[in-house]
Amino acid sequence: ESFVPITTPVYLQHCPMADSNKGADWLSNKEEILNPYFGQAMLS
């Protein structure tokens, strides 16, 4: 957010159930939701 170094769009994504239901964010270079905090268990 400070320096915007990537020329292509970067998507800020959020899962409300991550971190013991506290919610957590991550960055993705794809618009599709692929959850890194649950993986294949709750991918979308």
PDB file of all heavy atoms in Angstrom:
ATOM      1  N   GLU A   1       0.819  -1.208   0.000  1.00  0.00           N
ATOM      2  CA  GLU A   1       0.000   0.000   0.000  1.00  0.00           C
ATOM      3  C   GLU A   1       0.855   1.261   0.000  1.00  0.00           C
ATOM      4  O   GLU A   1       0.447   2.285  -0.540  1.00  0.00           O
ATOM      5  CB  GLU A   1      -0.934  -0.002   1.215  1.00  0.00           C
ATOM      6  CG  GLU A   1      -2.041  -1.046   1.134  1.00  0.00           C
ATOM      7  CD  GLU A   1      -2.986  -0.973   2.315  1.00  0.00           C
ATOM      8  OE1 GLU A   1      -2.530  -0.584   3.412  1.00  0.00           O
ATOM      9  OE2 GLU A   1      -4.172  -1.303   2.147  1.00  0.00           O
ATOM     10  N   SER A   2       2.049   1.197   0.587  1.00  0.00           N
ATOM     11  CA  SER A   2       2.903   2.379   0.681  1.00  0.00           C
ATOM     12  C   SER A   2       3.604   2.679  -0.629  1.00  0.00           C
ATOM     13  O   SER A   2       3.668   3.831  -1.066  1.00  0.00           O
ATOM     14  CB  SER A   2       3.941   2.191   1.796  1.00  0.00           C
ATOM     15  OG  SER A   2       3.320   2.071   3.054  1.00  0.00           O
ATOM     16  N   PHE A   3       4.142   1.634  -1.282  1.00  0.00           N
ATOM     17  CA  PHE A   3       5.033   1.858  -2.413  1.00  0.00           C
ATOM     18  C   PHE A   3       4.487   1.370  -3.756  1.00  0.00           C
ATOM     19  O   PHE A   3       5.028   1.726  -4.802  1.00  0.00           O
ATOM     20  CB  PHE A   3       6.383   1.184  -2.147  1.00  0.00           C
ATOM     21  CG  PHE A   3       7.028   1.607  -0.859  1.00  0.00           C
ATOM     22  CD1 PHE A   3       7.303   0.688   0.146  1.00  0.00           C
ATOM     23  CD2 PHE A   3       7.337   2.939  -0.628  1.00  0.00           C
ATOM     24  CE1 PHE A   3       7.888   1.080   1.336  1.00  0.00           C
ATOM     25  CE2 PHE A   3       7.924   3.347   0.554  1.00  0.00           C
ATOM     26  CZ  PHE A   3       8.197   2.423   1.545  1.00  0.00           C
ATOM     27  N   VAL A   4       3.436   0.540  -3.755  1.00  0.00           N
ATOM     28  CA  VAL A   4       2.817   0.000  -4.982  1.00  0.00           C
ATOM     29  C   VAL A   4       3.899  -0.419  -5.990  1.00  0.00           C
ATOM     30  O   VAL A   4       4.011   0.137  -7.077  1.00  0.00           O
ATOM     31  CB  VAL A   4       1.860   1.026  -5.622  1.00  0.00           C
ATOM     32  CG1 VAL A   4       0.958   0.340  -6.644  1.00  0.00           C
ATOM     33  CG2 VAL A   4       1.020   1.741  -4.582  1.00  0.00           C
ATOM     34  N   PRO A   5       4.715  -1.421  -5.645  1.00  0.00           N
ATOM     35  CA  PRO A   5       5.839  -1.769  -6.525  1.00  0.00           C
ATOM     36  C   PRO A   5       5.466  -2.676  -7.693  1.00  0.00           C
ATOM     37  O   PRO A   5       6.226  -2.806  -8.639  1.00  0.00           O
ATOM     38  CB  PRO A   5       6.796  -2.496  -5.572  1.00  0.00           C
ATOM     39  CG  PRO A   5       5.893  -3.130  -4.565  1.00  0.00           C
ATOM     40  CD  PRO A   5       4.715  -2.204  -4.407  1.00  0.00           C
ATOM     41  N   ILE A   6       4.282  -3.318  -7.635  1.00  0.00           N
ATOM     42  CA  ILE A   6       3.892  -4.275  -8.663  1.00  0.00           C
ATOM     43  C   ILE A   6       3.052  -3.550  -9.718  1.00  0.00           C
ATOM     44  O   ILE A   6       2.091  -2.850  -9.388  1.00  0.00           O
ATOM     45  CB  ILE A   6       3.102  -5.449  -8.062  1.00  0.00           C
ATOM     46  CG1 ILE A   6       3.862  -6.061  -6.875  1.00  0.00           C
ATOM     47  CG2 ILE A   6       2.833  -6.503  -9.125  1.00  0.00           C
ATOM     48  CD1 ILE A   6       5.216  -6.617  -7.222  1.00  0.00           C
ATOM     49  N   THR A   7       3.415  -3.732 -10.986  1.00  0.00           N
ATOM     50  CA  THR A   7       2.724  -3.029 -12.073  1.00  0.00           C
ATOM     51  C   THR A   7       1.346  -3.613 -12.349  1.00  0.00           C
ATOM     52  O   THR A   7       0.454  -2.901 -12.813  1.00  0.00           O
ATOM     53  CB  THR A   7       3.558  -3.091 -13.356  1.00  0.00           C
ATOM     54  OG1 THR A   7       3.842  -4.468 -13.669  1.00  0.00           O
ATOM     55  CG2 THR A   7       4.874  -2.339 -13.180  1.00  0.00           C
ATOM     56  N   THR A   8       1.145  -4.892 -12.060  1.00  0.00           N
ATOM     57  CA  THR A   8      -0.168  -5.521 -12.246  1.00  0.00           C
ATOM     58  C   THR A   8      -0.977  -5.394 -10.961  1.00  0.00           C
ATOM     59  O   THR A   8      -0.404  -5.216  -9.884  1.00  0.00           O
ATOM     60  CB  THR A   8      -0.015  -6.999 -12.631  1.00  0.00           C
ATOM     61  OG1 THR A   8       0.769  -7.662 -11.618  1.00  0.00           O
ATOM     62  CG2 THR A   8       0.680  -7.133 -13.973  1.00  0.00           C
ATOM     63  N   PRO A   9      -2.324  -5.483 -11.045  1.00  0.00           N
ATOM     64  CA  PRO A   9      -3.140  -5.348  -9.832  1.00  0.00           C
ATOM     65  C   PRO A   9      -2.812  -6.414  -8.784  1.00  0.00           C
ATOM     66  O   PRO A   9      -2.576  -7.578  -9.110  1.00  0.00           O
ATOM     67  CB  PRO A   9      -4.576  -5.517 -10.356  1.00  0.00           C
ATOM     68  CG  PRO A   9      -4.511  -5.160 -11.796  1.00  0.00           C
ATOM     69  CD  PRO A   9      -3.156  -5.604 -12.262  1.00  0.00           C
ATOM     70  N   VAL A  10      -2.773  -5.992  -7.525  1.00  0.00           N
ATOM     71  CA  VAL A  10      -2.591  -6.891  -6.390  1.00  0.00           C
ATOM     72  C   VAL A  10      -3.853  -6.796  -5.540  1.00  0.00           C
ATOM     73  O   VAL A  10      -4.318  -5.704  -5.223  1.00  0.00           O
ATOM     74  CB  VAL A  10      -1.346  -6.507  -5.561  1.00  0.00           C
ATOM     75  CG1 VAL A  10      -1.248  -7.380  -4.321  1.00  0.00           C
ATOM     76  CG2 VAL A  10      -0.090  -6.650  -6.403  1.00  0.00           C
ATOM     77  N   TYR A  11      -4.400  -7.950  -5.174  1.00  0.00           N
ATOM     78  CA  TYR A  11      -5.688  -7.983  -4.496  1.00  0.00           C
ATOM     79  C   TYR A  11      -5.494  -8.237  -3.001  1.00  0.00           C
ATOM     80  O   TYR A  11      -4.788  -9.174  -2.599  1.00  0.00           O
ATOM     81  CB  TYR A  11      -6.583  -9.072  -5.098  1.00  0.00           C
ATOM     82  CG  TYR A  11      -6.831  -8.856  -6.578  1.00  0.00           C
ATOM     83  CD1 TYR A  11      -6.037  -9.491  -7.531  1.00  0.00           C
ATOM     84  CD2 TYR A  11      -7.820  -7.991  -7.017  1.00  0.00           C
ATOM     85  CE1 TYR A  11      -6.246  -9.279  -8.891  1.00  0.00           C
ATOM     86  CE2 TYR A  11      -8.035  -7.774  -8.367  1.00  0.00           C
ATOM     87  CZ  TYR A  11      -7.245  -8.422  -9.303  1.00  0.00           C
ATOM     88  OH  TYR A  11      -7.454  -8.201 -10.640  1.00  0.00           O
ATOM     89  N   LEU A  12      -6.099  -7.374  -2.188  1.00  0.00           N
ATOM     90  CA  LEU A  12      -6.118  -7.566  -0.747  1.00  0.00           C
ATOM     91  C   LEU A  12      -7.341  -8.406  -0.414  1.00  0.00           C
ATOM     92  O   LEU A  12      -8.473  -8.012  -0.686  1.00  0.00           O
ATOM     93  CB  LEU A  12      -6.185  -6.214  -0.027  1.00  0.00           C
ATOM     94  CG  LEU A  12      -6.293  -6.260   1.502  1.00  0.00           C
ATOM     95  CD1 LEU A  12      -5.119  -7.008   2.106  1.00  0.00           C
ATOM     96  CD2 LEU A  12      -6.354  -4.848   2.071  1.00  0.00           C
ATOM     97  N   GLN A  13      -7.109  -9.595   0.166  1.00  0.00           N
ATOM     98  CA  GLN A  13      -8.182 -10.546   0.417  1.00  0.00           C
ATOM     99  C   GLN A  13      -8.286 -10.825   1.912  1.00  0.00           C
ATOM    100  O   GLN A  13      -7.304 -10.722   2.644  1.00  0.00           O
ATOM    101  CB  GLN A  13      -7.939 -11.832  -0.384  1.00  0.00           C
ATOM    102  CG  GLN A  13      -7.897 -11.571  -1.891  1.00  0.00           C
ATOM    103  CD  GLN A  13      -7.530 -12.786  -2.712  1.00  0.00           C
ATOM    104  OE1 GLN A  13      -6.885 -13.710  -2.232  1.00  0.00           O
ATOM    105  NE2 GLN A  13      -7.938 -12.793  -3.981  1.00  0.00           N
ATOM    106  N   HIS A  14      -9.488 -11.176   2.357  1.00  0.00           N
ATOM    107  CA  HIS A  14      -9.761 -11.311   3.787  1.00  0.00           C
ATOM    108  C   HIS A  14     -10.579 -12.568   4.064  1.00  0.00           C
ATOM    109  O   HIS A  14     -11.526 -12.874   3.327  1.00  0.00           O
ATOM    110  CB  HIS A  14     -10.529 -10.084   4.293  1.00  0.00           C
ATOM    111  CG  HIS A  14     -10.938 -10.169   5.734  1.00  0.00           C
ATOM    112  ND1 HIS A  14     -10.065  -9.925   6.760  1.00  0.00           N
ATOM    113  CD2 HIS A  14     -12.128 -10.488   6.304  1.00  0.00           C
ATOM    114  CE1 HIS A  14     -10.709 -10.071   7.915  1.00  0.00           C
ATOM    115  NE2 HIS A  14     -11.948 -10.424   7.670  1.00  0.00           N
ATOM    116  N   CYS A  15     -10.184 -13.282   5.096  1.00  0.00           N
ATOM    117  CA  CYS A  15     -10.963 -14.445   5.565  1.00  0.00           C
ATOM    118  C   CYS A  15     -11.415 -14.169   6.992  1.00  0.00           C
ATOM    119  O   CYS A  15     -10.572 -14.012   7.894  1.00  0.00           O
ATOM    120  CB  CYS A  15     -10.112 -15.715   5.512  1.00  0.00           C
ATOM    121  SG  CYS A  15     -10.950 -17.153   6.248  1.00  0.00           S
ATOM    122  N   PRO A  16     -12.716 -14.090   7.253  1.00  0.00           N
ATOM    123  CA  PRO A  16     -13.190 -13.765   8.600  1.00  0.00           C
ATOM    124  C   PRO A  16     -13.004 -14.894   9.609  1.00  0.00           C
ATOM    125  O   PRO A  16     -13.084 -14.669  10.810  1.00  0.00           O
ATOM    126  CB  PRO A  16     -14.686 -13.472   8.368  1.00  0.00           C
ATOM    127  CG  PRO A  16     -15.038 -14.247   7.139  1.00  0.00           C
ATOM    128  CD  PRO A  16     -13.808 -14.235   6.284  1.00  0.00           C
ATOM    129  N   MET A  17     -12.730 -16.109   9.128  1.00  0.00           N
ATOM    130  CA  MET A  17     -12.616 -17.255  10.029  1.00  0.00           C
ATOM    131  C   MET A  17     -11.174 -17.558  10.418  1.00  0.00           C
ATOM    132  O   MET A  17     -10.928 -18.380  11.303  1.00  0.00           O
ATOM    133  CB  MET A  17     -13.253 -18.486   9.378  1.00  0.00           C
ATOM    134  CG  MET A  17     -14.733 -18.328   9.069  1.00  0.00           C
ATOM    135  SD  MET A  17     -15.457 -19.777   8.278  1.00  0.00           S
ATOM    136  CE  MET A  17     -15.298 -20.991   9.587  1.00  0.00           C
ATOM    137  N   ALA A  18     -10.218 -16.932   9.750  1.00  0.00           N
ATOM    138  CA  ALA A  18      -8.811 -17.190  10.055  1.00  0.00           C
ATOM    139  C   ALA A  18      -8.430 -16.610  11.412  1.00  0.00           C
ATOM    140  O   ALA A  18      -9.136 -15.765  11.968  1.00  0.00           O
ATOM    141  CB  ALA A  18      -7.931 -16.598   8.956  1.00  0.00           C
ATOM    142  N   ASP A  19      -7.295 -17.077  11.937  1.00  0.00           N
ATOM    143  CA  ASP A  19      -6.774 -16.595  13.230  1.00  0.00           C
ATOM    144  C   ASP A  19      -7.817 -16.735  14.327  1.00  0.00           C
ATOM    145  O   ASP A  19      -8.125 -15.783  15.051  1.00  0.00           O
ATOM    146  CB  ASP A  19      -6.305 -15.146  13.084  1.00  0.00           C
ATOM    147  CG  ASP A  19      -5.417 -14.712  14.249  1.00  0.00           C
ATOM    148  OD1 ASP A  19      -4.945 -15.593  14.981  1.00  0.00           O
ATOM    149  OD2 ASP A  19      -5.203 -13.505  14.417  1.00  0.00           O
ATOM    150  N   SER A  20      -8.380 -17.934  14.428  1.00  0.00           N
ATOM    151  CA  SER A  20      -9.379 -18.254  15.473  1.00  0.00           C
ATOM    152  C   SER A  20     -10.576 -17.314  15.416  1.00  0.00           C
ATOM    153  O   SER A  20     -11.001 -16.744  16.423  1.00  0.00           O
ATOM    154  CB  SER A  20      -8.733 -18.208  16.859  1.00  0.00           C
ATOM    155  OG  SER A  20      -7.660 -19.107  16.954  1.00  0.00           O
ATOM    156  N   ASN A  21     -11.095 -17.130  14.194  1.00  0.00           N
ATOM    157  CA  ASN A  21     -12.275 -16.301  13.934  1.00  0.00           C
ATOM    158  C   ASN A  21     -12.050 -14.808  14.183  1.00  0.00           C
ATOM    159  O   ASN A  21     -13.014 -14.033  14.224  1.00  0.00           O
ATOM    160  CB  ASN A  21     -13.480 -16.785  14.760  1.00  0.00           C
ATOM    161  CG  ASN A  21     -13.993 -18.132  14.306  1.00  0.00           C
ATOM    162  OD1 ASN A  21     -14.039 -18.399  13.101  1.00  0.00           O
ATOM    163  ND2 ASN A  21     -14.371 -18.973  15.245  1.00  0.00           N
ATOM    164  N   LYS A  22     -10.794 -14.399  14.338  1.00  0.00           N
ATOM    165  CA  LYS A  22     -10.500 -12.967  14.446  1.00  0.00           C
ATOM    166  C   LYS A  22     -10.435 -12.313  13.069  1.00  0.00           C
ATOM    167  O   LYS A  22     -10.570 -11.109  12.943  1.00  0.00           O
ATOM    168  CB  LYS A  22      -9.173 -12.745  15.173  1.00  0.00           C
ATOM    169  CG  LYS A  22      -9.168 -13.242  16.610  1.00  0.00           C
ATOM    170  CD  LYS A  22      -7.791 -13.067  17.214  1.00  0.00           C
ATOM    171  CE  LYS A  22      -7.721 -13.654  18.625  1.00  0.00           C
ATOM    172  NZ  LYS A  22      -6.347 -13.565  19.176  1.00  0.00           N
ATOM    173  N   GLY A  23     -10.196 -13.136  12.051  1.00  0.00           N
ATOM    174  CA  GLY A  23     -10.067 -12.615  10.696  1.00  0.00           C
ATOM    175  C   GLY A  23      -8.622 -12.281  10.373  1.00  0.00           C
ATOM    176  O   GLY A  23      -7.857 -11.852  11.249  1.00  0.00           O
ATOM    177  N   ALA A  24      -8.232 -12.516   9.141  1.00  0.00           N
ATOM    178  CA  ALA A  24      -6.866 -12.229   8.710  1.00  0.00           C
ATOM    179  C   ALA A  24      -6.862 -11.902   7.226  1.00  0.00           C
ATOM    180  O   ALA A  24      -7.721 -12.356   6.468  1.00  0.00           O
ATOM    181  CB  ALA A  24      -5.940 -13.410   8.999  1.00  0.00           C
ATOM    182  N   ASP A  25      -5.881 -11.094   6.818  1.00  0.00           N
ATOM    183  CA  ASP A  25      -5.754 -10.660   5.429  1.00  0.00           C
ATOM    184  C   ASP A  25      -4.547 -11.306   4.773  1.00  0.00           C
ATOM    185  O   ASP A  25      -3.630 -11.784   5.443  1.00  0.00           O
ATOM    186  CB  ASP A  25      -5.611  -9.136   5.363  1.00  0.00           C
ATOM    187  CG  ASP A  25      -6.813  -8.405   5.931  1.00  0.00           C
ATOM    188  OD1 ASP A  25      -7.938  -8.841   5.641  1.00  0.00           O
ATOM    189  OD2 ASP A  25      -6.624  -7.419   6.661  1.00  0.00           O
ATOM    190  N   TRP A  26      -4.522 -11.268   3.460  1.00  0.00           N
ATOM    191  CA  TRP A  26      -3.350 -11.667   2.699  1.00  0.00           C
ATOM    192  C   TRP A  26      -3.398 -10.998   1.331  1.00  0.00           C
ATOM    193  O   TRP A  26      -4.420 -10.442   0.939  1.00  0.00           O
ATOM    194  CB  TRP A  26      -3.253 -13.184   2.562  1.00  0.00           C
ATOM    195  CG  TRP A  26      -4.253 -13.813   1.625  1.00  0.00           C
ATOM    196  CD1 TRP A  26      -4.082 -14.104   0.298  1.00  0.00           C
ATOM    197  CD2 TRP A  26      -5.597 -14.247   1.949  1.00  0.00           C
ATOM    198  NE1 TRP A  26      -5.210 -14.683  -0.216  1.00  0.00           N
ATOM    199  CE2 TRP A  26      -6.161 -14.783   0.761  1.00  0.00           C
ATOM    200  CE3 TRP A  26      -6.364 -14.225   3.109  1.00  0.00           C
ATOM    201  CZ2 TRP A  26      -7.454 -15.281   0.722  1.00  0.00           C
ATOM    202  CZ3 TRP A  26      -7.653 -14.734   3.063  1.00  0.00           C
ATOM    203  CH2 TRP A  26      -8.185 -15.248   1.883  1.00  0.00           C
ATOM    204  N   LEU A  27      -2.281 -11.037   0.615  1.00  0.00           N
ATOM    205  CA  LEU A  27      -2.195 -10.473  -0.723  1.00  0.00           C
ATOM    206  C   LEU A  27      -2.201 -11.592  -1.755  1.00  0.00           C
ATOM    207  O   LEU A  27      -1.683 -12.677  -1.509  1.00  0.00           O
ATOM    208  CB  LEU A  27      -0.910  -9.653  -0.884  1.00  0.00           C
ATOM    209  CG  LEU A  27      -0.794  -8.371  -0.065  1.00  0.00           C
ATOM    210  CD1 LEU A  27       0.594  -7.774  -0.247  1.00  0.00           C
ATOM    211  CD2 LEU A  27      -1.858  -7.368  -0.457  1.00  0.00           C
ATOM    212  N   SER A  28      -2.772 -11.283  -2.916  1.00  0.00           N
ATOM    213  CA  SER A  28      -2.788 -12.249  -4.014  1.00  0.00           C
ATOM    214  C   SER A  28      -2.612 -11.504  -5.329  1.00  0.00           C
ATOM    215  O   SER A  28      -3.103 -10.381  -5.488  1.00  0.00           O
ATOM    216  CB  SER A  28      -4.099 -13.040  -4.024  1.00  0.00           C
ATOM    217  OG  SER A  28      -4.154 -13.911  -5.149  1.00  0.00           O
ATOM    218  N   ASN A  29      -1.896 -12.142  -6.257  1.00  0.00           N
ATOM    219  CA  ASN A  29      -1.763 -11.552  -7.596  1.00  0.00           C
ATOM    220  C   ASN A  29      -2.847 -12.049  -8.536  1.00  0.00           C
ATOM    221  O   ASN A  29      -2.816 -11.780  -9.727  1.00  0.00           O
ATOM    222  CB  ASN A  29      -0.378 -11.841  -8.177  1.00  0.00           C
ATOM    223  CG  ASN A  29      -0.034 -13.325  -8.134  1.00  0.00           C
ATOM    224  OD1 ASN A  29      -0.823 -14.146  -7.685  1.00  0.00           O
ATOM    225  ND2 ASN A  29       1.158 -13.666  -8.596  1.00  0.00           N
ATOM    226  N   LYS A  30      -3.829 -12.779  -7.969  1.00  0.00           N
ATOM    227  CA  LYS A  30      -4.984 -13.241  -8.734  1.00  0.00           C
ATOM    228  C   LYS A  30      -6.261 -12.862  -7.987  1.00  0.00           C
ATOM    229  O   LYS A  30      -6.311 -12.895  -6.752  1.00  0.00           O
ATOM    230  CB  LYS A  30      -4.938 -14.757  -8.932  1.00  0.00           C
ATOM    231  CG  LYS A  30      -3.739 -15.225  -9.748  1.00  0.00           C
ATOM    232  CD  LYS A  30      -3.758 -16.739  -9.902  1.00  0.00           C
ATOM    233  CE  LYS A  30      -2.551 -17.224 -10.713  1.00  0.00           C
ATOM    234  NZ  LYS A  30      -2.530 -18.695 -10.839  1.00  0.00           N
ATOM    235  N   GLU A  31      -7.287 -12.510  -8.742  1.00  0.00           N
ATOM    236  CA  GLU A  31      -8.548 -12.098  -8.125  1.00  0.00           C
ATOM    237  C   GLU A  31      -9.276 -13.271  -7.478  1.00  0.00           C
ATOM    238  O   GLU A  31     -10.041 -13.094  -6.528  1.00  0.00           O
ATOM    239  CB  GLU A  31      -9.437 -11.433  -9.176  1.00  0.00           C
ATOM    240  CG  GLU A  31     -10.662 -10.741  -8.602  1.00  0.00           C
ATOM    241  CD  GLU A  31     -11.421  -9.963  -9.649  1.00  0.00           C
ATOM    242  OE1 GLU A  31     -11.024 -10.009 -10.833  1.00  0.00           O
ATOM    243  OE2 GLU A  31     -12.417  -9.302  -9.288  1.00  0.00           O
ATOM    244  N   GLU A  32      -9.043 -14.470  -7.973  1.00  0.00           N
ATOM    245  CA  GLU A  32      -9.702 -15.658  -7.435  1.00  0.00           C
ATOM    246  C   GLU A  32      -9.303 -15.879  -5.978  1.00  0.00           C
ATOM    247  O   GLU A  32      -8.134 -15.744  -5.608  1.00  0.00           O
ATOM    248  CB  GLU A  32      -9.322 -16.876  -8.274  1.00  0.00           C
ATOM    249  CG  GLU A  32      -9.957 -18.171  -7.786  1.00  0.00           C
ATOM    250  CD  GLU A  32      -9.468 -19.380  -8.569  1.00  0.00           C
ATOM    251  OE1 GLU A  32      -8.532 -19.218  -9.389  1.00  0.00           O
ATOM    252  OE2 GLU A  32      -9.997 -20.485  -8.356  1.00  0.00           O
ATOM    253  N   ILE A  33     -10.268 -16.229  -5.130  1.00  0.00           N
ATOM    254  CA  ILE A  33     -10.001 -16.486  -3.719  1.00  0.00           C
ATOM    255  C   ILE A  33      -9.424 -17.886  -3.560  1.00  0.00           C
ATOM    256  O   ILE A  33     -10.093 -18.891  -3.863  1.00  0.00           O
ATOM    257  CB  ILE A  33     -11.278 -16.340  -2.871  1.00  0.00           C
ATOM    258  CG1 ILE A  33     -11.826 -14.918  -2.965  1.00  0.00           C
ATOM    259  CG2 ILE A  33     -10.999 -16.712  -1.414  1.00  0.00           C
ATOM    260  CD1 ILE A  33     -10.918 -13.861  -2.384  1.00  0.00           C
ATOM    261  N   LEU A  34      -8.179 -17.953  -3.088  1.00  0.00           N
ATOM    262  CA  LEU A  34      -7.520 -19.217  -2.741  1.00  0.00           C
ATOM    263  C   LEU A  34      -6.919 -19.020  -1.356  1.00  0.00           C
ATOM    264  O   LEU A  34      -5.897 -18.365  -1.198  1.00  0.00           O
ATOM    265  CB  LEU A  34      -6.453 -19.572  -3.777  1.00  0.00           C
ATOM    266  CG  LEU A  34      -6.954 -19.816  -5.210  1.00  0.00           C
ATOM    267  CD1 LEU A  34      -5.782 -19.984  -6.167  1.00  0.00           C
ATOM    268  CD2 LEU A  34      -7.860 -21.044  -5.263  1.00  0.00           C
ATOM    269  N   ASN A  35      -7.560 -19.583  -0.338  1.00  0.00           N
ATOM    270  CA  ASN A  35      -7.268 -19.261   1.055  1.00  0.00           C
ATOM    271  C   ASN A  35      -6.004 -19.967   1.546  1.00  0.00           C
ATOM    272  O   ASN A  35      -5.958 -21.197   1.602  1.00  0.00           O
ATOM    273  CB  ASN A  35      -8.468 -19.669   1.917  1.00  0.00           C
ATOM    274  CG  ASN A  35      -8.392 -19.087   3.306  1.00  0.00           C
ATOM    275  OD1 ASN A  35      -7.360 -19.121   3.947  1.00  0.00           O
ATOM    276  ND2 ASN A  35      -9.507 -18.559   3.776  1.00  0.00           N
ATOM    277  N   PRO A  36      -4.953 -19.201   1.947  1.00  0.00           N
ATOM    278  CA  PRO A  36      -3.728 -19.844   2.443  1.00  0.00           C
ATOM    279  C   PRO A  36      -3.825 -20.280   3.899  1.00  0.00           C
ATOM    280  O   PRO A  36      -2.997 -21.059   4.354  1.00  0.00           O
ATOM    281  CB  PRO A  36      -2.680 -18.737   2.272  1.00  0.00           C
ATOM    282  CG  PRO A  36      -3.455 -17.469   2.416  1.00  0.00           C
ATOM    283  CD  PRO A  36      -4.814 -17.748   1.839  1.00  0.00           C
ATOM    284  N   TYR A  37      -4.806 -19.774   4.643  1.00  0.00           N
ATOM    285  CA  TYR A  37      -4.902 -20.090   6.063  1.00  0.00           C
ATOM    286  C   TYR A  37      -5.628 -21.407   6.333  1.00  0.00           C
ATOM    287  O   TYR A  37      -5.465 -21.987   7.406  1.00  0.00           O
ATOM    288  CB  TYR A  37      -5.602 -18.950   6.807  1.00  0.00           C
ATOM    289  CG  TYR A  37      -4.859 -17.647   6.696  1.00  0.00           C
ATOM    290  CD1 TYR A  37      -5.467 -16.507   6.186  1.00  0.00           C
ATOM    291  CD2 TYR A  37      -3.523 -17.548   7.073  1.00  0.00           C
ATOM    292  CE1 TYR A  37      -4.778 -15.307   6.071  1.00  0.00           C
ATOM    293  CE2 TYR A  37      -2.822 -16.362   6.962  1.00  0.00           C
ATOM    294  CZ  TYR A  37      -3.453 -15.246   6.464  1.00  0.00           C
ATOM    295  OH  TYR A  37      -2.758 -14.071   6.343  1.00  0.00           O
ATOM    296  N   PHE A  38      -6.414 -21.871   5.373  1.00  0.00           N
ATOM    297  CA  PHE A  38      -7.102 -23.160   5.506  1.00  0.00           C
ATOM    298  C   PHE A  38      -6.739 -24.129   4.387  1.00  0.00           C
ATOM    299  O   PHE A  38      -6.995 -25.314   4.497  1.00  0.00           O
ATOM    300  CB  PHE A  38      -8.619 -22.947   5.526  1.00  0.00           C
ATOM    301  CG  PHE A  38      -9.113 -22.245   6.753  1.00  0.00           C
ATOM    302  CD1 PHE A  38      -9.440 -20.904   6.715  1.00  0.00           C
ATOM    303  CD2 PHE A  38      -9.213 -22.908   7.961  1.00  0.00           C
ATOM    304  CE1 PHE A  38      -9.890 -20.237   7.848  1.00  0.00           C
ATOM    305  CE2 PHE A  38      -9.660 -22.260   9.103  1.00  0.00           C
ATOM    306  CZ  PHE A  38      -9.998 -20.921   9.053  1.00  0.00           C
ATOM    307  N   GLY A  39      -6.153 -23.623   3.301  1.00  0.00           N
ATOM    308  CA  GLY A  39      -5.758 -24.497   2.211  1.00  0.00           C
ATOM    309  C   GLY A  39      -6.947 -25.211   1.591  1.00  0.00           C
ATOM    310  O   GLY A  39      -8.030 -24.655   1.421  1.00  0.00           O
ATOM    311  N   GLN A  40      -6.753 -26.490   1.281  1.00  0.00           N
ATOM    312  CA  GLN A  40      -7.783 -27.252   0.588  1.00  0.00           C
ATOM    313  C   GLN A  40      -9.018 -27.500   1.458  1.00  0.00           C
ATOM    314  O   GLN A  40     -10.080 -27.834   0.944  1.00  0.00           O
ATOM    315  CB  GLN A  40      -7.208 -28.606   0.136  1.00  0.00           C
ATOM    316  CG  GLN A  40      -6.019 -28.465  -0.808  1.00  0.00           C
ATOM    317  CD  GLN A  40      -6.367 -27.729  -2.077  1.00  0.00           C
ATOM    318  OE1 GLN A  40      -7.374 -28.017  -2.715  1.00  0.00           O
ATOM    319  NE2 GLN A  40      -5.531 -26.756  -2.451  1.00  0.00           N
ATOM    320  N   ALA A  41      -8.902 -27.321   2.776  1.00  0.00           N
ATOM    321  CA  ALA A  41     -10.051 -27.551   3.663  1.00  0.00           C
ATOM    322  C   ALA A  41     -11.159 -26.536   3.411  1.00  0.00           C
ATOM    323  O   ALA A  41     -12.347 -26.880   3.427  1.00  0.00           O
ATOM    324  CB  ALA A  41      -9.599 -27.495   5.125  1.00  0.00           C
ATOM    325  N   MET A  42     -10.802 -25.293   3.224  1.00  0.00           N
ATOM    326  CA  MET A  42     -11.781 -24.241   2.903  1.00  0.00           C
ATOM    327  C   MET A  42     -11.137 -23.300   1.898  1.00  0.00           C
ATOM    328  O   MET A  42     -10.820 -22.146   2.201  1.00  0.00           O
ATOM    329  CB  MET A  42     -12.223 -23.491   4.157  1.00  0.00           C
ATOM    330  CG  MET A  42     -13.144 -24.268   5.060  1.00  0.00           C
ATOM    331  SD  MET A  42     -13.984 -23.240   6.293  1.00  0.00           S
ATOM    332  CE  MET A  42     -12.616 -22.640   7.239  1.00  0.00           C
ATOM    333  N   LEU A  43     -10.941 -23.778   0.702  1.00  0.00           N
ATOM    334  CA  LEU A  43     -10.136 -23.088  -0.298  1.00  0.00           C
ATOM    335  C   LEU A  43     -10.722 -21.741  -0.710  1.00  0.00           C
ATOM    336  O   LEU A  43     -10.009 -20.776  -0.917  1.00  0.00           O
ATOM    337  CB  LEU A  43      -9.971 -23.980  -1.530  1.00  0.00           C
ATOM    338  CG  LEU A  43      -8.960 -23.514  -2.579  1.00  0.00           C
ATOM    339  CD1 LEU A  43      -7.568 -23.426  -1.976  1.00  0.00           C
ATOM    340  CD2 LEU A  43      -8.962 -24.463  -3.773  1.00  0.00           C
ATOM    341  N   SER A  44     -12.046 -21.664  -0.825  1.00  0.00           N
ATOM    342  CA  SER A  44     -12.671 -20.453  -1.367  1.00  0.00           C
ATOM    343  C   SER A  44     -13.234 -19.529  -0.292  1.00  0.00           C
ATOM    344  O   SER A  44     -13.983 -18.605  -0.600  1.00  0.00           O
ATOM    345  CB  SER A  44     -13.798 -20.833  -2.342  1.00  0.00           C
ATOM    346  OG  SER A  44     -14.780 -21.604  -1.684  1.00  0.00           O
TER     347      SER A  44
END
